[in-house]
Amino acid sequence: MHNQYPRDFTNDQVPDEWFTWRQKIIKEQEQLARPSLSYWKDAWRRLRKNYLAMSGMAFIIVLVSLAIFGPILSPYEANMGVLAEQYQPPSAKHWFGTDNAGRDIFTRTWQGARISLFVGFMAALIDVTIGIIWGGISGYKGGRTDNIMMRIIEILYGIPYLLVVILLLVVMGPSLTTIIIALTVTGWVGMARIVRGQVMQIKNYEYILASQSFGTKQSRIIRRGLLPNTMGPIIVQMTLTVPSAIFAEAFLSFIGLGISSPNASWGVMASDSLGAILSGNWWTLFFPAFFISLTMFAFNVLGDGLQDALDPKLRK
């Protein structure tokens, strides 16, 4: 209850502080009367206030749409070109210009976006699946099981990531499937450690202990009680895994261990354009490098925005 504002003044002598006090009381009453928002609705409300994160989300949506429909709507083939039209600068006919084989860079850019986004999302999905299972079991079981599982994670974490990827690509041969496998061999370790930490914290909550006392199956407790409460950090980690996988695929394709030419990939396009830069054909490198950078920036700012929006400590 708020103390009533002192009224030792006449109507003609109402001070400004009284109006400020009155507006504060009305605002607090409106907040009390407002229905409480769920966790996800409140997170979405706070995310919408982060204009940089929303801009990143909008760019990702546009990028995915162009990756799906861009090559379909383009009149040119991604892997076929006309030698007579090689190194054409950006124009109304070829919006992003052409490369050394006369191929339309606009079409190849969105064809490469398909591969990069597919690798990024598949790597993130596999990392999340393995990380949730491994981290959930390790954190919930604890004791000897947790020690053994964490020692395995520490061994995998100590192996140089890039070395594992290169060795697998050399042994299995460069292909899209090989890249995804190579990126996920040790990529799930970070996700597993995050899930384990969250589960170890949540499993001591009262509703989890009550479920255990009633004899609820452990699989159901993990599936219905623990994992839904760890979705915030999992979603944030996913948004950071996707750009890492996209950059890794582009780097491997750039050095010749990933997608090979004439197939379209941002890394392949950047590799093919190195010689063209010296002759002044800047557009052959600019567009793939630009979209790699912008895509990584968009996912990172979205991940930062989600981290702030999903943090329960920031709820008001």
Protein backbone atom coordinates (compact mmCIF):
# COMPACT_ATOMS: atom_id res chain seq x y z
CA MET A 1 0.00 0.00 0.00
CA HIS A 2 1.23 3.47 -0.85
CA ASN A 3 0.90 6.27 1.63
CA GLN A 4 -1.53 8.92 0.55
CA TYR A 5 0.18 12.02 -0.75
CA PRO A 6 -0.12 14.88 1.81
CA ARG A 7 -2.81 17.34 0.90
CA ASP A 8 -1.81 20.36 2.96
CA PHE A 9 -2.36 22.67 0.03
CA THR A 10 -5.29 24.30 -1.75
CA ASN A 11 -6.43 23.46 -5.29
CA ASP A 12 -4.58 26.49 -6.62
CA GLN A 13 -1.32 25.36 -5.00
CA VAL A 14 -1.01 21.79 -6.27
CA PRO A 15 2.73 21.10 -6.66
CA ASP A 16 4.24 19.28 -9.64
CA GLU A 17 5.40 16.45 -7.37
CA TRP A 18 1.77 15.46 -6.75
CA PHE A 19 1.20 14.81 -10.47
CA THR A 20 4.42 12.79 -10.67
CA TRP A 21 3.35 10.73 -7.66
CA ARG A 22 -0.12 10.20 -9.15
CA GLN A 23 1.29 8.98 -12.49
CA LYS A 24 3.60 6.56 -10.68
CA ILE A 25 0.68 5.04 -8.77
CA ILE A 26 -1.39 4.66 -11.95
CA LYS A 27 1.53 3.00 -13.77
CA GLU A 28 2.09 0.51 -10.93
CA GLN A 29 -1.62 -0.34 -10.84
CA GLU A 30 -1.62 -0.99 -14.59
CA GLN A 31 1.37 -3.31 -14.24
CA LEU A 32 -0.39 -5.26 -11.48
CA ALA A 33 -3.55 -5.56 -13.57
CA ARG A 34 -1.63 -6.68 -16.67
CA PRO A 35 -1.73 -10.47 -17.20
CA SER A 36 1.61 -12.20 -16.67
CA LEU A 37 3.44 -13.36 -19.78
CA SER A 38 4.81 -16.83 -20.29
CA TYR A 39 8.56 -17.35 -20.44
CA TRP A 40 8.65 -17.61 -24.25
CA LYS A 41 6.26 -14.69 -24.82
CA ASP A 42 8.30 -12.49 -22.51
CA ALA A 43 11.52 -13.56 -24.27
CA TRP A 44 10.00 -12.70 -27.66
CA ARG A 45 8.85 -9.31 -26.33
CA ARG A 46 12.36 -8.47 -25.16
CA LEU A 47 13.94 -9.80 -28.34
CA ARG A 48 11.77 -7.49 -30.45
CA LYS A 49 13.22 -4.53 -28.58
CA ASN A 50 16.72 -5.52 -29.72
CA TYR A 51 16.76 -3.93 -33.18
CA LEU A 52 20.19 -5.29 -34.07
CA ALA A 53 19.12 -8.87 -33.31
CA MET A 54 15.87 -8.42 -35.23
CA SER A 55 17.84 -7.05 -38.19
CA GLY A 56 20.00 -10.17 -38.09
CA MET A 57 16.90 -12.36 -38.01
CA ALA A 58 15.38 -10.48 -40.95
CA PHE A 59 18.58 -10.91 -42.98
CA ILE A 60 18.67 -14.65 -42.23
CA ILE A 61 15.06 -15.03 -43.37
CA VAL A 62 15.82 -13.15 -46.61
CA LEU A 63 18.99 -15.19 -47.12
CA VAL A 64 17.16 -18.50 -46.70
CA SER A 65 14.42 -17.35 -49.09
CA LEU A 66 16.93 -16.32 -51.75
CA ALA A 67 18.88 -19.56 -51.29
CA ILE A 68 15.67 -21.51 -51.98
CA PHE A 69 14.17 -19.46 -54.79
CA GLY A 70 17.13 -17.51 -56.22
CA PRO A 71 18.59 -20.27 -58.44
CA ILE A 72 15.08 -21.27 -59.52
CA LEU A 73 14.10 -17.77 -60.64
CA SER A 74 17.44 -17.04 -62.32
CA PRO A 75 17.58 -17.68 -66.09
CA TYR A 76 21.18 -18.93 -65.79
CA GLU A 77 22.63 -22.25 -64.69
CA ALA A 78 24.93 -22.19 -61.67
CA ASN A 79 27.55 -24.53 -63.14
CA MET A 80 27.30 -23.57 -66.81
CA GLY A 81 28.65 -20.42 -68.43
CA VAL A 82 29.54 -18.79 -71.73
CA LEU A 83 33.27 -18.21 -72.27
CA ALA A 84 32.51 -15.18 -74.42
CA GLU A 85 30.94 -13.52 -71.36
CA GLN A 86 33.68 -14.19 -68.85
CA TYR A 87 34.58 -11.46 -66.35
CA GLN A 88 31.56 -9.31 -67.17
CA PRO A 89 31.13 -6.59 -64.50
CA PRO A 90 27.82 -6.25 -62.62
CA SER A 91 25.10 -5.07 -64.99
CA ALA A 92 21.39 -5.37 -65.70
CA LYS A 93 22.06 -8.69 -67.47
CA HIS A 94 24.31 -10.15 -64.79
CA TRP A 95 23.54 -8.44 -61.50
CA PHE A 96 26.69 -9.71 -59.75
CA GLY A 97 28.77 -10.06 -62.92
CA THR A 98 30.37 -13.26 -64.26
CA ASP A 99 33.45 -15.29 -63.33
CA ASN A 100 36.38 -16.73 -65.31
CA ALA A 101 34.13 -19.32 -66.98
CA GLY A 102 31.36 -16.87 -67.88
CA ARG A 103 29.07 -18.21 -65.14
CA ASP A 104 26.53 -15.90 -63.55
CA ILE A 105 27.79 -14.99 -60.04
CA PHE A 106 24.30 -14.06 -58.83
CA THR A 107 23.05 -17.58 -59.47
CA ARG A 108 26.18 -19.18 -58.07
CA THR A 109 25.97 -17.03 -54.94
CA TRP A 110 22.55 -18.35 -54.01
CA GLN A 111 23.46 -21.87 -55.05
CA GLY A 112 26.45 -21.56 -52.72
CA ALA A 113 24.15 -20.21 -50.01
CA ARG A 114 22.16 -23.45 -50.23
CA ILE A 115 25.27 -25.51 -49.52
CA SER A 116 26.57 -23.23 -46.77
CA LEU A 117 23.24 -23.01 -44.96
CA PHE A 118 22.62 -26.76 -45.35
CA VAL A 119 26.02 -27.56 -43.83
CA GLY A 120 25.50 -25.01 -41.05
CA PHE A 121 22.03 -26.18 -40.05
CA MET A 122 22.84 -29.89 -40.35
CA ALA A 123 25.99 -29.50 -38.25
CA ALA A 124 24.05 -27.56 -35.61
CA LEU A 125 21.23 -30.13 -35.60
CA ILE A 126 23.62 -33.07 -35.15
CA ASP A 127 25.59 -31.21 -32.47
CA VAL A 128 22.40 -30.43 -30.58
CA THR A 129 21.10 -34.00 -30.80
CA ILE A 130 24.31 -35.64 -29.59
CA GLY A 131 25.01 -32.88 -27.07
CA ILE A 132 21.56 -33.09 -25.48
CA ILE A 133 21.68 -36.87 -25.14
CA TRP A 134 25.26 -37.00 -23.84
CA GLY A 135 25.05 -33.95 -21.59
CA GLY A 136 21.59 -34.84 -20.27
CA ILE A 137 22.62 -38.34 -19.23
CA SER A 138 25.93 -37.18 -17.79
CA GLY A 139 24.42 -34.37 -15.76
CA TYR A 140 21.43 -36.36 -14.50
CA LYS A 141 23.25 -39.56 -13.58
CA GLY A 142 26.24 -37.90 -11.94
CA GLY A 143 28.80 -39.88 -9.99
CA ARG A 144 30.88 -42.47 -11.82
CA THR A 145 28.85 -42.20 -15.02
CA ASP A 146 29.40 -38.45 -15.15
CA ASN A 147 33.14 -38.85 -14.50
CA ILE A 148 33.60 -41.35 -17.33
CA MET A 149 31.54 -39.36 -19.81
CA MET A 150 33.29 -36.10 -18.95
CA ARG A 151 36.73 -37.69 -19.32
CA ILE A 152 35.75 -38.74 -22.85
CA ILE A 153 34.65 -35.18 -23.58
CA GLU A 154 37.93 -33.79 -22.26
CA ILE A 155 39.88 -36.15 -24.51
CA LEU A 156 37.89 -35.08 -27.57
CA TYR A 157 38.14 -31.43 -26.54
CA GLY A 158 41.92 -31.69 -26.37
CA ILE A 159 42.23 -32.94 -29.96
CA PRO A 160 42.83 -30.06 -32.42
CA TYR A 161 39.52 -29.50 -34.19
CA LEU A 162 40.96 -28.51 -37.55
CA LEU A 163 43.35 -31.47 -37.55
CA VAL A 164 40.47 -33.91 -37.11
CA VAL A 165 38.50 -32.29 -39.92
CA ILE A 166 41.42 -32.34 -42.35
CA LEU A 167 42.33 -35.96 -41.55
CA LEU A 168 38.78 -37.17 -42.10
CA LEU A 169 38.50 -35.26 -45.37
CA VAL A 170 41.78 -36.72 -46.58
CA VAL A 171 40.79 -40.29 -45.62
CA MET A 172 37.13 -40.19 -46.74
CA GLY A 173 37.53 -37.81 -49.66
CA PRO A 174 36.04 -34.34 -50.05
CA SER A 175 32.25 -34.33 -50.29
CA LEU A 176 29.28 -32.65 -48.65
CA THR A 177 28.59 -35.67 -46.44
CA THR A 178 32.22 -35.88 -45.38
CA ILE A 179 32.27 -32.19 -44.43
CA ILE A 180 29.19 -32.60 -42.21
CA ILE A 181 30.63 -35.69 -40.52
CA ALA A 182 33.99 -34.00 -40.01
CA LEU A 183 32.40 -30.89 -38.51
CA THR A 184 30.32 -32.90 -36.03
CA VAL A 185 32.90 -35.44 -34.83
CA THR A 186 33.98 -33.11 -32.03
CA GLY A 187 31.60 -30.21 -32.62
CA TRP A 188 28.99 -31.56 -30.16
CA VAL A 189 31.38 -31.36 -27.19
CA GLY A 190 30.56 -27.73 -26.36
CA MET A 191 26.83 -28.38 -26.51
CA ALA A 192 27.16 -31.42 -24.22
CA ARG A 193 29.03 -29.41 -21.60
CA ILE A 194 26.39 -26.66 -21.63
CA VAL A 195 23.52 -29.15 -21.30
CA ARG A 196 25.32 -31.02 -18.52
CA GLY A 197 25.82 -27.83 -16.50
CA GLN A 198 22.17 -26.84 -16.88
CA VAL A 199 20.88 -30.31 -15.97
CA MET A 200 23.09 -30.54 -12.88
CA GLN A 201 21.61 -27.28 -11.67
CA ILE A 202 17.98 -28.04 -12.48
CA LYS A 203 17.89 -31.64 -11.21
CA ASN A 204 18.00 -30.36 -7.61
CA TYR A 205 14.85 -28.27 -8.00
CA GLU A 206 11.88 -29.27 -5.88
CA TYR A 207 9.62 -30.40 -8.71
CA ILE A 208 12.33 -32.74 -10.01
CA LEU A 209 12.88 -34.21 -6.55
CA ALA A 210 9.11 -34.61 -6.16
CA SER A 211 8.91 -36.49 -9.46
CA GLN A 212 11.69 -38.81 -8.31
CA SER A 213 9.92 -39.48 -5.01
CA PHE A 214 6.75 -40.47 -6.89
CA GLY A 215 8.72 -43.02 -8.91
CA THR A 216 8.60 -41.26 -12.28
CA LYS A 217 10.82 -42.88 -14.90
CA GLN A 218 14.17 -41.21 -15.38
CA SER A 219 13.69 -40.91 -19.13
CA ARG A 220 10.42 -39.04 -18.58
CA ILE A 221 12.01 -36.71 -16.01
CA ILE A 222 14.80 -35.87 -18.43
CA ARG A 223 12.44 -35.47 -21.39
CA ARG A 224 9.63 -33.55 -19.69
CA GLY A 225 11.27 -31.88 -16.70
CA LEU A 226 14.91 -31.16 -17.46
CA LEU A 227 15.35 -30.59 -21.19
CA PRO A 228 12.53 -28.02 -21.65
CA ASN A 229 14.22 -25.83 -19.03
CA THR A 230 17.56 -25.97 -20.84
CA MET A 231 16.18 -24.87 -24.23
CA GLY A 232 17.31 -21.27 -23.77
CA PRO A 233 21.07 -21.99 -23.70
CA ILE A 234 20.61 -24.70 -26.35
CA ILE A 235 18.97 -22.28 -28.79
CA VAL A 236 21.66 -19.67 -28.17
CA GLN A 237 24.41 -22.24 -28.75
CA MET A 238 22.72 -23.34 -31.99
CA THR A 239 22.78 -19.79 -33.37
CA LEU A 240 26.52 -19.68 -32.68
CA THR A 241 27.18 -23.16 -34.12
CA VAL A 242 25.62 -22.39 -37.51
CA PRO A 243 28.01 -19.52 -38.48
CA SER A 244 31.01 -21.52 -37.23
CA ALA A 245 30.04 -24.43 -39.49
CA ILE A 246 29.42 -22.08 -42.44
CA PHE A 247 32.85 -20.50 -42.04
CA ALA A 248 34.49 -23.92 -41.63
CA GLU A 249 32.89 -25.19 -44.84
CA ALA A 250 33.95 -22.06 -46.72
CA PHE A 251 37.52 -22.37 -45.40
CA LEU A 252 37.79 -26.07 -46.30
CA SER A 253 36.41 -25.44 -49.77
CA PHE A 254 38.78 -22.50 -50.16
CA ILE A 255 41.85 -24.68 -49.50
CA GLY A 256 40.53 -27.49 -51.71
CA LEU A 257 39.35 -29.98 -49.06
CA GLY A 258 35.63 -29.25 -49.31
CA ILE A 259 33.27 -28.74 -52.22
CA SER A 260 35.18 -28.83 -55.48
CA SER A 261 34.65 -26.73 -58.61
CA PRO A 262 32.54 -26.45 -60.76
CA ASN A 263 30.02 -26.92 -57.93
CA ALA A 264 28.96 -23.65 -56.39
CA SER A 265 30.09 -22.84 -52.85
CA TRP A 266 31.09 -19.58 -51.24
CA GLY A 267 34.49 -21.05 -50.44
CA VAL A 268 34.95 -22.39 -53.98
CA MET A 269 33.92 -19.04 -55.46
CA ALA A 270 36.42 -17.22 -53.25
CA SER A 271 39.17 -19.67 -54.22
CA ASP A 272 38.44 -19.37 -57.96
CA SER A 273 38.51 -15.58 -57.78
CA LEU A 274 41.98 -15.15 -56.30
CA GLY A 275 43.67 -14.82 -59.66
CA ALA A 276 40.93 -12.53 -60.95
CA ILE A 277 41.55 -9.97 -58.21
CA LEU A 278 44.99 -9.20 -59.61
CA SER A 279 43.45 -8.30 -62.96
CA GLY A 280 40.90 -5.94 -61.41
CA ASN A 281 37.83 -8.22 -61.47
CA TRP A 282 36.93 -7.40 -57.86
CA TRP A 283 33.31 -8.56 -58.02
CA THR A 284 34.29 -12.23 -58.30
CA LEU A 285 35.57 -12.19 -54.71
CA PHE A 286 33.48 -9.37 -53.26
CA PHE A 287 30.06 -11.08 -53.33
CA PRO A 288 30.95 -14.46 -51.78
CA ALA A 289 33.15 -12.77 -49.15
CA PHE A 290 30.45 -10.19 -48.45
CA PHE A 291 27.72 -12.77 -47.85
CA ILE A 292 29.99 -14.98 -45.72
CA SER A 293 30.79 -12.01 -43.49
CA LEU A 294 27.24 -10.71 -43.33
CA THR A 295 25.80 -14.17 -42.60
CA MET A 296 28.21 -14.76 -39.74
CA PHE A 297 27.47 -11.28 -38.37
CA ALA A 298 23.70 -11.84 -38.57
CA PHE A 299 23.84 -15.17 -36.71
CA ASN A 300 26.13 -13.77 -34.03
CA VAL A 301 24.03 -10.69 -33.28
CA LEU A 302 20.92 -12.88 -33.24
CA GLY A 303 22.64 -15.24 -30.81
CA ASP A 304 23.60 -12.33 -28.55
CA GLY A 305 20.05 -11.03 -28.67
CA LEU A 306 18.60 -14.44 -27.83
CA GLN A 307 21.03 -14.82 -24.96
CA ASP A 308 19.77 -11.58 -23.44
CA ALA A 309 16.12 -12.35 -24.18
CA LEU A 310 16.21 -15.88 -22.77
CA ASP A 311 18.13 -14.98 -19.60
CA PRO A 312 15.64 -15.44 -16.72
CA LYS A 313 17.62 -13.01 -14.57
CA LEU A 314 16.61 -10.17 -16.91
CA ARG A 315 12.88 -10.83 -16.69
CA LYS A 316 10.85 -7.90 -15.38
